[in-house]
PDB file of N, CA and C in Angstrom:
ATOM      1  N   MET A   1      -1.893   6.598   0.201  1.00  0.00           N
ATOM      2  CA  MET A   1      -1.361   5.910  -0.923  1.00  0.00           C
ATOM      3  C   MET A   1      -1.295   4.218  -0.827  1.00  0.00           C
ATOM      4  N   ILE A   2      -1.095   3.862   0.379  1.00  0.00           N
ATOM      5  CA  ILE A   2      -0.982   2.433   0.583  1.00  0.00           C
ATOM      6  C   ILE A   2      -2.000   1.759  -0.039  1.00  0.00           C
ATOM      7  N   TRP A   3      -3.281   2.064   0.189  1.00  0.00           N
ATOM      8  CA  TRP A   3      -4.405   1.186  -0.330  1.00  0.00           C
ATOM      9  C   TRP A   3      -4.397   1.253  -1.724  1.00  0.00           C
ATOM     10  N   ARG A   4      -3.992   2.378  -2.350  1.00  0.00           N
ATOM     11  CA  ARG A   4      -4.072   2.390  -3.951  1.00  0.00           C
ATOM     12  C   ARG A   4      -2.861   1.427  -4.475  1.00  0.00           C
ATOM     13  N   VAL A   5      -1.708   1.393  -3.762  1.00  0.00           N
ATOM     14  CA  VAL A   5      -0.646   0.385  -4.183  1.00  0.00           C
ATOM     15  C   VAL A   5      -1.153  -0.978  -3.973  1.00  0.00           C
ATOM     16  N   LEU A   6      -1.671  -1.289  -2.856  1.00  0.00           N
ATOM     17  CA  LEU A   6      -2.083  -2.614  -2.483  1.00  0.00           C
ATOM     18  C   LEU A   6      -3.374  -3.219  -3.379  1.00  0.00           C
ATOM     19  N   TYR A   7      -4.186  -2.290  -3.706  1.00  0.00           N
ATOM     20  CA  TYR A   7      -5.223  -2.539  -4.631  1.00  0.00           C
ATOM     21  C   TYR A   7      -4.697  -2.952  -5.928  1.00  0.00           C
ATOM     22  N   THR A   8      -3.818  -2.132  -6.532  1.00  0.00           N
ATOM     23  CA  THR A   8      -3.106  -2.314  -7.808  1.00  0.00           C
ATOM     24  C   THR A   8      -2.425  -3.633  -7.847  1.00  0.00           C
ATOM     25  N   LEU A   9      -1.698  -3.876  -6.821  1.00  0.00           N
ATOM     26  CA  LEU A   9      -0.721  -5.086  -6.735  1.00  0.00           C
ATOM     27  C   LEU A   9      -1.693  -6.233  -6.705  1.00  0.00           C
ATOM     28  N   GLU A  10      -2.809  -6.248  -6.026  1.00  0.00           N
ATOM     29  CA  GLU A  10      -3.727  -7.306  -5.913  1.00  0.00           C
ATOM     30  C   GLU A  10      -4.330  -7.616  -7.430  1.00  0.00           C
ATOM     31  N   ARG A  11      -4.596  -6.542  -8.039  1.00  0.00           N
ATOM     32  CA  ARG A  11      -5.227  -6.631  -9.371  1.00  0.00           C
ATOM     33  C   ARG A  11      -4.085  -7.261 -10.259  1.00  0.00           C
ATOM     34  N   ILE A  12      -3.045  -6.918 -10.142  1.00  0.00           N
ATOM     35  CA  ILE A  12      -1.839  -7.520 -10.956  1.00  0.00           C
ATOM     36  C   ILE A  12      -1.608  -8.968 -10.748  1.00  0.00           C
ATOM     37  N   ILE A  13      -1.677  -9.385  -9.400  1.00  0.00           N
ATOM     38  CA  ILE A  13      -1.520 -10.770  -8.955  1.00  0.00           C
ATOM     39  C   ILE A  13      -2.606 -11.487  -9.620  1.00  0.00           C
ATOM     40  N   ASP A  14      -3.972 -11.117  -9.651  1.00  0.00           N
ATOM     41  CA  ASP A  14      -4.991 -11.895 -10.015  1.00  0.00           C
ATOM     42  C   ASP A  14      -4.949 -11.965 -11.559  1.00  0.00           C
ATOM     43  N   GLN A  15      -4.632 -10.736 -12.188  1.00  0.00           N
ATOM     44  CA  GLN A  15      -4.721 -10.806 -13.812  1.00  0.00           C
ATOM     45  C   GLN A  15      -3.545 -11.294 -14.574  1.00  0.00           C
ATOM     46  N   GLU A  16      -2.317 -11.124 -13.931  1.00  0.00           N
ATOM     47  CA  GLU A  16      -1.060 -11.432 -14.533  1.00  0.00           C
ATOM     48  C   GLU A  16      -0.384 -12.618 -14.030  1.00  0.00           C
ATOM     49  N   GLY A  17      -0.928 -13.178 -12.795  1.00  0.00           N
ATOM     50  CA  GLY A  17      -0.465 -14.404 -12.206  1.00  0.00           C
ATOM     51  C   GLY A  17       0.982 -14.250 -11.672  1.00  0.00           C
ATOM     52  N   ILE A  18       1.503 -12.989 -11.202  1.00  0.00           N
ATOM     53  CA  ILE A  18       2.883 -12.745 -10.801  1.00  0.00           C
ATOM     54  C   ILE A  18       2.589 -12.723  -9.152  1.00  0.00           C
ATOM     55  N   ASP A  19       3.077 -13.685  -8.461  1.00  0.00           N
ATOM     56  CA  ASP A  19       2.899 -13.747  -7.078  1.00  0.00           C
ATOM     57  C   ASP A  19       3.784 -12.793  -6.184  1.00  0.00           C
ATOM     58  N   LEU A  20       3.423 -11.658  -6.139  1.00  0.00           N
ATOM     59  CA  LEU A  20       4.100 -10.644  -5.426  1.00  0.00           C
ATOM     60  C   LEU A  20       3.637 -10.803  -3.885  1.00  0.00           C
ATOM     61  N   GLY A  21       4.814 -10.779  -3.002  1.00  0.00           N
ATOM     62  CA  GLY A  21       4.685 -10.944  -1.601  1.00  0.00           C
ATOM     63  C   GLY A  21       5.298  -9.889  -0.874  1.00  0.00           C
ATOM     64  N   MET A  22       5.691 -10.121   0.384  1.00  0.00           N
ATOM     65  CA  MET A  22       6.346  -9.247   1.202  1.00  0.00           C
ATOM     66  C   MET A  22       7.834  -8.887   0.727  1.00  0.00           C
ATOM     67  N   GLU A  23       8.494  -9.934   0.376  1.00  0.00           N
ATOM     68  CA  GLU A  23       9.873  -9.799  -0.218  1.00  0.00           C
ATOM     69  C   GLU A  23      10.004  -8.759  -1.382  1.00  0.00           C
ATOM     70  N   GLU A  24       9.057  -8.865  -2.314  1.00  0.00           N
ATOM     71  CA  GLU A  24       9.004  -7.992  -3.337  1.00  0.00           C
ATOM     72  C   GLU A  24       8.430  -6.643  -2.935  1.00  0.00           C
ATOM     73  N   LEU A  25       7.436  -6.594  -2.019  1.00  0.00           N
ATOM     74  CA  LEU A  25       7.080  -5.160  -1.588  1.00  0.00           C
ATOM     75  C   LEU A  25       8.199  -4.551  -0.720  1.00  0.00           C
ATOM     76  N   ALA A  26       8.886  -5.306   0.020  1.00  0.00           N
ATOM     77  CA  ALA A  26      10.043  -4.749   0.723  1.00  0.00           C
ATOM     78  C   ALA A  26      11.169  -4.041  -0.260  1.00  0.00           C
ATOM     79  N   GLU A  27      11.245  -4.828  -1.291  1.00  0.00           N
ATOM     80  CA  GLU A  27      12.298  -4.373  -2.208  1.00  0.00           C
ATOM     81  C   GLU A  27      11.947  -3.094  -3.004  1.00  0.00           C
ATOM     82  N   MET A  28      10.542  -2.942  -3.254  1.00  0.00           N
ATOM     83  CA  MET A  28      10.019  -1.844  -4.033  1.00  0.00           C
ATOM     84  C   MET A  28       9.794  -0.522  -3.298  1.00  0.00           C
ATOM     85  N   TYR A  29       9.542  -0.664  -1.885  1.00  0.00           N
ATOM     86  CA  TYR A  29       9.038   0.403  -1.115  1.00  0.00           C
ATOM     87  C   TYR A  29       9.609   0.329   0.387  1.00  0.00           C
ATOM     88  N   ASP A  30       9.697   1.544   0.908  1.00  0.00           N
ATOM     89  CA  ASP A  30      10.070   1.675   2.335  1.00  0.00           C
ATOM     90  C   ASP A  30       8.843   2.013   2.934  1.00  0.00           C
ATOM     91  N   LEU A  31       8.543   1.397   4.025  1.00  0.00           N
ATOM     92  CA  LEU A  31       7.290   1.754   4.995  1.00  0.00           C
ATOM     93  C   LEU A  31       7.657   2.979   5.805  1.00  0.00           C
ATOM     94  N   THR A  32       7.109   4.030   5.658  1.00  0.00           N
ATOM     95  CA  THR A  32       7.277   5.409   6.433  1.00  0.00           C
ATOM     96  C   THR A  32       5.985   5.955   7.165  1.00  0.00           C
ATOM     97  N   THR A  33       6.362   6.321   8.190  1.00  0.00           N
ATOM     98  CA  THR A  33       5.253   7.020   9.012  1.00  0.00           C
ATOM     99  C   THR A  33       5.690   8.522   9.202  1.00  0.00           C
ATOM    100  N   PHE A  34       4.592   9.172   9.257  1.00  0.00           N
ATOM    101  CA  PHE A  34       4.680  10.692   9.613  1.00  0.00           C
ATOM    102  C   PHE A  34       3.816  11.084  10.798  1.00  0.00           C
ATOM    103  N   GLY A  35       3.684  10.168  11.662  1.00  0.00           N
ATOM    104  CA  GLY A  35       2.989  10.400  12.873  1.00  0.00           C
ATOM    105  C   GLY A  35       1.474  10.045  12.836  1.00  0.00           C
ATOM    106  N   SER A  36       0.958  10.056  14.138  1.00  0.00           N
ATOM    107  CA  SER A  36      -0.628   9.931  14.078  1.00  0.00           C
ATOM    108  C   SER A  36      -1.031   8.629  13.652  1.00  0.00           C
ATOM    109  N   HIS A  37      -0.110   7.633  13.810  1.00  0.00           N
ATOM    110  CA  HIS A  37      -0.347   6.262  13.217  1.00  0.00           C
ATOM    111  C   HIS A  37      -0.654   6.167  11.642  1.00  0.00           C
ATOM    112  N   ARG A  38      -0.245   7.139  11.001  1.00  0.00           N
ATOM    113  CA  ARG A  38      -0.382   7.108   9.507  1.00  0.00           C
ATOM    114  C   ARG A  38       0.913   6.674   8.718  1.00  0.00           C
ATOM    115  N   TYR A  39       0.720   5.801   7.787  1.00  0.00           N
ATOM    116  CA  TYR A  39       1.841   5.274   7.073  1.00  0.00           C
ATOM    117  C   TYR A  39       1.771   5.436   5.637  1.00  0.00           C
ATOM    118  N   LEU A  40       2.687   5.383   4.948  1.00  0.00           N
ATOM    119  CA  LEU A  40       2.658   5.562   3.465  1.00  0.00           C
ATOM    120  C   LEU A  40       3.893   4.526   3.015  1.00  0.00           C
ATOM    121  N   PHE A  41       3.686   4.096   1.735  1.00  0.00           N
ATOM    122  CA  PHE A  41       4.753   3.650   0.931  1.00  0.00           C
ATOM    123  C   PHE A  41       5.715   4.622   0.262  1.00  0.00           C
ATOM    124  N   LYS A  42       6.794   4.502   0.583  1.00  0.00           N
ATOM    125  CA  LYS A  42       7.612   5.630  -0.170  1.00  0.00           C
ATOM    126  C   LYS A  42       8.631   4.729  -1.170  1.00  0.00           C
ATOM    127  N   ARG A  43       8.624   5.216  -2.355  1.00  0.00           N
ATOM    128  CA  ARG A  43       9.422   4.423  -3.227  1.00  0.00           C
ATOM    129  C   ARG A  43      10.918   4.377  -2.853  1.00  0.00           C
ATOM    130  N   LYS A  44      11.653   3.349  -3.166  1.00  0.00           N
ATOM    131  CA  LYS A  44      13.079   3.469  -2.866  1.00  0.00           C
ATOM    132  C   LYS A  44      13.736   4.500  -3.609  1.00  0.00           C
ATOM    133  N   ALA A  45      14.703   5.236  -3.001  1.00  0.00           N
ATOM    134  CA  ALA A  45      15.406   6.343  -3.621  1.00  0.00           C
ATOM    135  C   ALA A  45      16.101   5.808  -5.000  1.00  0.00           C
ATOM    136  N   GLY A  46      16.053   6.599  -5.794  1.00  0.00           N
ATOM    137  CA  GLY A  46      16.633   6.470  -7.250  1.00  0.00           C
ATOM    138  C   GLY A  46      15.824   5.537  -7.964  1.00  0.00           C
ATOM    139  N   GLU A  47      14.539   5.069  -7.632  1.00  0.00           N
ATOM    140  CA  GLU A  47      14.034   4.110  -8.382  1.00  0.00           C
ATOM    141  C   GLU A  47      12.696   4.885  -9.055  1.00  0.00           C
ATOM    142  N   ASP A  48      12.229   4.421 -10.066  1.00  0.00           N
ATOM    143  CA  ASP A  48      10.910   4.765 -10.487  1.00  0.00           C
ATOM    144  C   ASP A  48       9.798   4.417  -9.674  1.00  0.00           C
ATOM    145  N   HIS A  49       8.620   4.874  -9.791  1.00  0.00           N
ATOM    146  CA  HIS A  49       7.492   4.488  -8.987  1.00  0.00           C
ATOM    147  C   HIS A  49       7.042   3.058  -9.416  1.00  0.00           C
ATOM    148  N   PRO A  50       6.973   1.992  -8.693  1.00  0.00           N
ATOM    149  CA  PRO A  50       6.591   0.846  -9.106  1.00  0.00           C
ATOM    150  C   PRO A  50       5.035   0.747  -9.642  1.00  0.00           C
ATOM    151  N   VAL A  51       4.276   1.531  -8.986  1.00  0.00           N
ATOM    152  CA  VAL A  51       2.726   1.567  -9.523  1.00  0.00           C
ATOM    153  C   VAL A  51       2.567   3.109  -9.808  1.00  0.00           C
ATOM    154  N   PHE A  52       2.111   3.190 -10.960  1.00  0.00           N
ATOM    155  CA  PHE A  52       1.875   4.557 -11.495  1.00  0.00           C
ATOM    156  C   PHE A  52       0.479   5.264 -10.871  1.00  0.00           C
ATOM    157  N   LYS A  53       0.464   6.605 -10.865  1.00  0.00           N
ATOM    158  CA  LYS A  53      -0.570   7.280 -10.755  1.00  0.00           C
ATOM    159  C   LYS A  53      -1.265   7.043  -9.326  1.00  0.00           C
ATOM    160  N   VAL A  54      -0.499   6.701  -8.291  1.00  0.00           N
ATOM    161  CA  VAL A  54      -1.108   6.284  -6.881  1.00  0.00           C
ATOM    162  C   VAL A  54      -1.068   7.653  -6.048  1.00  0.00           C
ATOM    163  N   THR A  55      -0.389   8.575  -6.661  1.00  0.00           N
ATOM    164  CA  THR A  55      -0.283   9.828  -5.709  1.00  0.00           C
ATOM    165  C   THR A  55      -1.295  10.964  -6.099  1.00  0.00           C
ATOM    166  N   LYS A  56      -2.228  10.607  -7.193  1.00  0.00           N
ATOM    167  CA  LYS A  56      -3.174  11.389  -7.627  1.00  0.00           C
ATOM    168  C   LYS A  56      -4.204  11.722  -6.518  1.00  0.00           C
ATOM    169  N   ASN A  57      -4.731  12.927  -6.511  1.00  0.00           N
ATOM    170  CA  ASN A  57      -5.742  13.210  -5.507  1.00  0.00           C
ATOM    171  C   ASN A  57      -7.110  12.647  -5.887  1.00  0.00           C
ATOM    172  N   ASP A  58      -7.732  12.157  -4.764  1.00  0.00           N
ATOM    173  CA  ASP A  58      -9.079  11.634  -5.063  1.00  0.00           C
ATOM    174  C   ASP A  58     -10.160  12.726  -4.682  1.00  0.00           C
ATOM    175  N   THR A  59     -10.568  13.277  -5.807  1.00  0.00           N
ATOM    176  CA  THR A  59     -11.529  14.492  -5.548  1.00  0.00           C
ATOM    177  C   THR A  59     -13.026  14.221  -5.068  1.00  0.00           C
ATOM    178  N   ASN A  60     -13.180  12.891  -5.325  1.00  0.00           N
ATOM    179  CA  ASN A  60     -14.532  12.410  -5.104  1.00  0.00           C
ATOM    180  C   ASN A  60     -14.737  11.721  -3.784  1.00  0.00           C
ATOM    181  N   TRP A  61     -13.783  11.762  -2.830  1.00  0.00           N
ATOM    182  CA  TRP A  61     -13.813  11.027  -1.535  1.00  0.00           C
ATOM    183  C   TRP A  61     -15.077  11.452  -0.756  1.00  0.00           C
ATOM    184  N   LYS A  62     -15.419  12.750  -0.796  1.00  0.00           N
ATOM    185  CA  LYS A  62     -16.677  13.302   0.131  1.00  0.00           C
ATOM    186  C   LYS A  62     -17.925  12.622  -0.304  1.00  0.00           C
ATOM    187  N   ARG A  63     -17.987  12.185  -1.537  1.00  0.00           N
ATOM    188  CA  ARG A  63     -19.452  11.244  -1.946  1.00  0.00           C
ATOM    189  C   ARG A  63     -19.252   9.925  -1.367  1.00  0.00           C
ATOM    190  N   ARG A  64     -18.215   9.373  -0.947  1.00  0.00           N
ATOM    191  CA  ARG A  64     -18.170   8.125  -0.529  1.00  0.00           C
ATOM    192  C   ARG A  64     -17.977   7.780   0.961  1.00  0.00           C
ATOM    193  N   PHE A  65     -17.769   8.968   1.685  1.00  0.00           N
ATOM    194  CA  PHE A  65     -17.380   8.739   3.134  1.00  0.00           C
ATOM    195  C   PHE A  65     -18.225   9.759   3.858  1.00  0.00           C
ATOM    196  N   PHE A  66     -18.338   9.622   5.132  1.00  0.00           N
ATOM    197  CA  PHE A  66     -19.032  10.615   5.890  1.00  0.00           C
ATOM    198  C   PHE A  66     -18.371  10.593   7.290  1.00  0.00           C
ATOM    199  N   PHE A  67     -18.639  11.635   8.024  1.00  0.00           N
ATOM    200  CA  PHE A  67     -18.129  11.710   9.388  1.00  0.00           C
ATOM    201  C   PHE A  67     -19.369  11.623  10.359  1.00  0.00           C
ATOM    202  N   VAL A  68     -19.050  10.943  11.596  1.00  0.00           N
ATOM    203  CA  VAL A  68     -19.959  10.925  12.514  1.00  0.00           C
ATOM    204  C   VAL A  68     -19.533  11.253  13.844  1.00  0.00           C
ATOM    205  N   ARG A  69     -20.401  12.022  14.614  1.00  0.00           N
ATOM    206  CA  ARG A  69     -19.741  12.513  15.957  1.00  0.00           C
ATOM    207  C   ARG A  69     -20.024  11.273  16.855  1.00  0.00           C
ATOM    208  N   ARG A  70     -18.926  11.147  17.600  1.00  0.00           N
ATOM    209  CA  ARG A  70     -18.847   9.924  18.596  1.00  0.00           C
ATOM    210  C   ARG A  70     -20.131   9.903  19.616  1.00  0.00           C
ATOM    211  N   ASP A  71     -20.468  11.114  20.006  1.00  0.00           N
ATOM    212  CA  ASP A  71     -21.806  11.075  20.906  1.00  0.00           C
ATOM    213  C   ASP A  71     -23.030  10.719  20.304  1.00  0.00           C
ATOM    214  N   THR A  72     -23.051  10.481  19.118  1.00  0.00           N
ATOM    215  CA  THR A  72     -24.298  10.023  18.378  1.00  0.00           C
ATOM    216  C   THR A  72     -24.393   8.554  18.218  1.00  0.00           C
ATOM    217  N   ILE A  73     -23.379   7.818  18.731  1.00  0.00           N
ATOM    218  CA  ILE A  73     -23.324   6.391  18.493  1.00  0.00           C
ATOM    219  C   ILE A  73     -23.751   5.856  19.829  1.00  0.00           C
ATOM    220  N   PRO A  74     -24.672   4.681  19.758  1.00  0.00           N
ATOM    221  CA  PRO A  74     -24.970   4.068  21.011  1.00  0.00           C
ATOM    222  C   PRO A  74     -23.700   3.321  21.499  1.00  0.00           C
ATOM    223  N   ASN A  75     -23.489   3.293  22.710  1.00  0.00           N
ATOM    224  CA  ASN A  75     -22.337   2.716  23.491  1.00  0.00           C
ATOM    225  C   ASN A  75     -20.979   3.181  23.069  1.00  0.00           C
ATOM    226  N   GLU A  76     -21.016   4.636  22.653  1.00  0.00           N
ATOM    227  CA  GLU A  76     -19.862   5.224  22.231  1.00  0.00           C
ATOM    228  C   GLU A  76     -18.424   5.001  22.920  1.00  0.00           C
ATOM    229  N   GLU A  77     -18.956   4.835  24.286  1.00  0.00           N
ATOM    230  CA  GLU A  77     -17.685   4.611  25.206  1.00  0.00           C
ATOM    231  C   GLU A  77     -16.850   3.389  24.898  1.00  0.00           C
ATOM    232  N   ASP A  78     -17.470   2.402  24.077  1.00  0.00           N
ATOM    233  CA  ASP A  78     -16.749   1.111  23.736  1.00  0.00           C
ATOM    234  C   ASP A  78     -15.934   1.374  22.461  1.00  0.00           C
ATOM    235  N   LEU A  79     -16.023   2.458  21.831  1.00  0.00           N
ATOM    236  CA  LEU A  79     -15.297   2.761  20.638  1.00  0.00           C
ATOM    237  C   LEU A  79     -13.838   3.082  21.174  1.00  0.00           C
ATOM    238  N   PRO A  80     -12.820   2.818  20.266  1.00  0.00           N
ATOM    239  CA  PRO A  80     -11.553   3.094  20.741  1.00  0.00           C
ATOM    240  C   PRO A  80     -11.335   4.587  20.384  1.00  0.00           C
ATOM    241  N   LYS A  81     -10.519   5.266  21.443  1.00  0.00           N
ATOM    242  CA  LYS A  81     -10.190   6.733  20.996  1.00  0.00           C
ATOM    243  C   LYS A  81      -9.084   6.905  20.051  1.00  0.00           C
ATOM    244  N   LYS A  82      -8.281   5.827  19.905  1.00  0.00           N
ATOM    245  CA  LYS A  82      -7.307   5.906  18.824  1.00  0.00           C
ATOM    246  C   LYS A  82      -6.937   4.516  18.576  1.00  0.00           C
ATOM    247  N   TRP A  83      -6.392   4.310  17.338  1.00  0.00           N
ATOM    248  CA  TRP A  83      -6.319   2.886  16.779  1.00  0.00           C
ATOM    249  C   TRP A  83      -4.937   2.546  17.233  1.00  0.00           C
ATOM    250  N   ALA A  84      -4.734   1.234  17.571  1.00  0.00           N
ATOM    251  CA  ALA A  84      -3.508   0.563  17.862  1.00  0.00           C
ATOM    252  C   ALA A  84      -2.684   0.122  16.739  1.00  0.00           C
ATOM    253  N   THR A  85      -1.728   0.568  16.596  1.00  0.00           N
ATOM    254  CA  THR A  85      -0.670   0.133  15.431  1.00  0.00           C
ATOM    255  C   THR A  85       0.664  -0.089  15.870  1.00  0.00           C
ATOM    256  N   HIS A  86       1.166  -1.006  15.141  1.00  0.00           N
ATOM    257  CA  HIS A  86       2.597  -1.556  15.595  1.00  0.00           C
ATOM    258  C   HIS A  86       3.424  -1.425  14.244  1.00  0.00           C
ATOM    259  N   ALA A  87       4.564  -1.068  14.575  1.00  0.00           N
ATOM    260  CA  ALA A  87       5.502  -0.824  13.333  1.00  0.00           C
ATOM    261  C   ALA A  87       5.964  -2.348  13.072  1.00  0.00           C
ATOM    262  N   ILE A  88       5.970  -2.518  11.666  1.00  0.00           N
ATOM    263  CA  ILE A  88       6.351  -3.914  11.135  1.00  0.00           C
ATOM    264  C   ILE A  88       7.915  -3.744  10.480  1.00  0.00           C
ATOM    265  N   SER A  89       8.794  -4.465  10.950  1.00  0.00           N
ATOM    266  CA  SER A  89      10.119  -4.428  10.342  1.00  0.00           C
ATOM    267  C   SER A  89      10.295  -5.411   9.300  1.00  0.00           C
ATOM    268  N   VAL A  90      10.512  -5.176   8.083  1.00  0.00           N
ATOM    269  CA  VAL A  90      10.897  -6.097   7.142  1.00  0.00           C
ATOM    270  C   VAL A  90      12.204  -6.390   6.833  1.00  0.00           C
ATOM    271  N   ALA A  91      13.184  -5.689   7.703  1.00  0.00           N
ATOM    272  CA  ALA A  91      14.712  -5.828   7.492  1.00  0.00           C
ATOM    273  C   ALA A  91      15.069  -7.250   7.246  1.00  0.00           C
ATOM    274  N   HIS A  92      14.409  -8.207   7.945  1.00  0.00           N
ATOM    275  CA  HIS A  92      14.870  -9.497   7.866  1.00  0.00           C
ATOM    276  C   HIS A  92      14.525 -10.330   6.545  1.00  0.00           C
ATOM    277  N   LEU A  93      13.765  -9.747   5.527  1.00  0.00           N
ATOM    278  CA  LEU A  93      13.482 -10.083   4.378  1.00  0.00           C
ATOM    279  C   LEU A  93      14.623 -10.084   3.473  1.00  0.00           C
ATOM    280  N   ARG A  94      14.825 -11.209   2.882  1.00  0.00           N
ATOM    281  CA  ARG A  94      15.946 -10.963   1.877  1.00  0.00           C
ATOM    282  C   ARG A  94      15.422 -11.568   0.358  1.00  0.00           C
ATOM    283  N   LEU A  95      15.670 -10.852  -0.681  1.00  0.00           N
ATOM    284  CA  LEU A  95      15.216 -11.215  -1.967  1.00  0.00           C
ATOM    285  C   LEU A  95      15.694 -12.613  -2.378  1.00  0.00           C
ATOM    286  N   THR A  96      14.956 -13.623  -2.507  1.00  0.00           N
ATOM    287  CA  THR A  96      15.375 -14.911  -2.866  1.00  0.00           C
ATOM    288  C   THR A  96      15.611 -14.913  -4.497  1.00  0.00           C
ATOM    289  N   PRO A  97      16.189 -15.660  -5.162  1.00  0.00           N
ATOM    290  CA  PRO A  97      16.236 -15.683  -6.659  1.00  0.00           C
ATOM    291  C   PRO A  97      14.714 -15.851  -7.314  1.00  0.00           C
ATOM    292  N   ALA A  98      14.015 -16.651  -6.544  1.00  0.00           N
ATOM    293  CA  ALA A  98      12.602 -16.550  -7.207  1.00  0.00           C
ATOM    294  C   ALA A  98      11.962 -15.197  -7.062  1.00  0.00           C
ATOM    295  N   ALA A  99      12.078 -14.539  -5.985  1.00  0.00           N
ATOM    296  CA  ALA A  99      11.418 -13.125  -5.817  1.00  0.00           C
ATOM    297  C   ALA A  99      12.039 -12.314  -6.880  1.00  0.00           C
ATOM    298  N   LYS A 100      13.328 -12.352  -7.081  1.00  0.00           N
ATOM    299  CA  LYS A 100      13.960 -11.462  -8.059  1.00  0.00           C
ATOM    300  C   LYS A 100      13.257 -11.731  -9.318  1.00  0.00           C
ATOM    301  N   GLU A 101      13.026 -13.009  -9.750  1.00  0.00           N
ATOM    302  CA  GLU A 101      12.384 -13.179 -11.138  1.00  0.00           C
ATOM    303  C   GLU A 101      10.949 -12.570 -10.890  1.00  0.00           C
ATOM    304  N   ARG A 102      10.323 -12.837  -9.891  1.00  0.00           N
ATOM    305  CA  ARG A 102       8.848 -12.270  -9.950  1.00  0.00           C
ATOM    306  C   ARG A 102       8.938 -10.719  -9.931  1.00  0.00           C
ATOM    307  N   LEU A 103       9.929 -10.096  -9.349  1.00  0.00           N
ATOM    308  CA  LEU A 103      10.031  -8.642  -9.373  1.00  0.00           C
ATOM    309  C   LEU A 103      10.383  -8.063 -10.703  1.00  0.00           C
ATOM    310  N   LEU A 104      11.350  -8.838 -11.461  1.00  0.00           N
ATOM    311  CA  LEU A 104      11.746  -8.566 -12.870  1.00  0.00           C
ATOM    312  C   LEU A 104      10.522  -8.683 -13.901  1.00  0.00           C
ATOM    313  N   ALA A 105       9.671  -9.669 -13.549  1.00  0.00           N
ATOM    314  CA  ALA A 105       8.483  -9.880 -14.423  1.00  0.00           C
ATOM    315  C   ALA A 105       7.565  -8.707 -14.181  1.00  0.00           C
ATOM    316  N   PHE A 106       7.346  -8.208 -12.919  1.00  0.00           N
ATOM    317  CA  PHE A 106       6.645  -7.069 -12.544  1.00  0.00           C
ATOM    318  C   PHE A 106       6.979  -5.786 -13.343  1.00  0.00           C
ATOM    319  N   LYS A 107       8.309  -5.591 -13.294  1.00  0.00           N
ATOM    320  CA  LYS A 107       8.859  -4.515 -13.938  1.00  0.00           C
ATOM    321  C   LYS A 107       8.788  -4.326 -15.323  1.00  0.00           C
ATOM    322  N   LYS A 108       8.658  -5.546 -15.894  1.00  0.00           N
ATOM    323  CA  LYS A 108       8.619  -5.787 -17.294  1.00  0.00           C
ATOM    324  C   LYS A 108       7.113  -5.437 -17.936  1.00  0.00           C
ATOM    325  N   LEU A 109       6.187  -5.499 -16.955  1.00  0.00           N
ATOM    326  CA  LEU A 109       4.703  -5.178 -17.285  1.00  0.00           C
ATOM    327  C   LEU A 109       4.491  -3.976 -18.006  1.00  0.00           C
ATOM    328  N   ASP A 110       3.638  -3.842 -18.958  1.00  0.00           N
ATOM    329  CA  ASP A 110       3.219  -2.686 -19.454  1.00  0.00           C
ATOM    330  C   ASP A 110       2.781  -1.747 -18.362  1.00  0.00           C
ATOM    331  N   PRO A 111       3.319  -0.395 -18.720  1.00  0.00           N
ATOM    332  CA  PRO A 111       2.921   0.724 -17.685  1.00  0.00           C
ATOM    333  C   PRO A 111       1.560   0.896 -17.415  1.00  0.00           C
ATOM    334  N   GLU A 112       0.553   0.550 -18.419  1.00  0.00           N
ATOM    335  CA  GLU A 112      -0.960   0.651 -18.205  1.00  0.00           C
ATOM    336  C   GLU A 112      -1.347  -0.259 -17.109  1.00  0.00           C
ATOM    337  N   ILE A 113      -0.786  -1.480 -17.310  1.00  0.00           N
ATOM    338  CA  ILE A 113      -1.005  -2.661 -16.175  1.00  0.00           C
ATOM    339  C   ILE A 113      -0.624  -2.046 -14.819  1.00  0.00           C
ATOM    340  N   ARG A 114       0.464  -1.395 -14.680  1.00  0.00           N
ATOM    341  CA  ARG A 114       1.001  -0.951 -13.492  1.00  0.00           C
ATOM    342  C   ARG A 114       0.462   0.311 -12.954  1.00  0.00           C
ATOM    343  N   THR A 115      -0.705   0.838 -13.554  1.00  0.00           N
ATOM    344  CA  THR A 115      -1.286   2.135 -13.176  1.00  0.00           C
ATOM    345  C   THR A 115      -2.594   1.901 -12.306  1.00  0.00           C
ATOM    346  N   PHE A 116      -2.691   2.611 -11.317  1.00  0.00           N
ATOM    347  CA  PHE A 116      -3.753   2.514 -10.432  1.00  0.00           C
ATOM    348  C   PHE A 116      -5.137   3.127 -11.296  1.00  0.00           C
TER     349      PHE A 116
END
């Protein structure tokens, strides 16, 4: 879901001119992990989804991706066995008055614009 949210937010930034950043993102979502270096944006408790239809299943993914066996790639030993990830804490971010204005402008957007 993260890539869908970021893609939609990037489109909104470009088309609507609302400069959404880390402060606004941290106000809308909690970054959650469920192990194996997988992360997701979880909407804040009691809040509506900031971006709509990001949880829908992508049934066409098999046509766009493929799997490769490691031993079929030259120099396979140079490939990482697992990806290094680090937790990012955004607890230090505080919503400034300007960020509150941007967040309010985002929430006032037509739901169609806020849809993946």
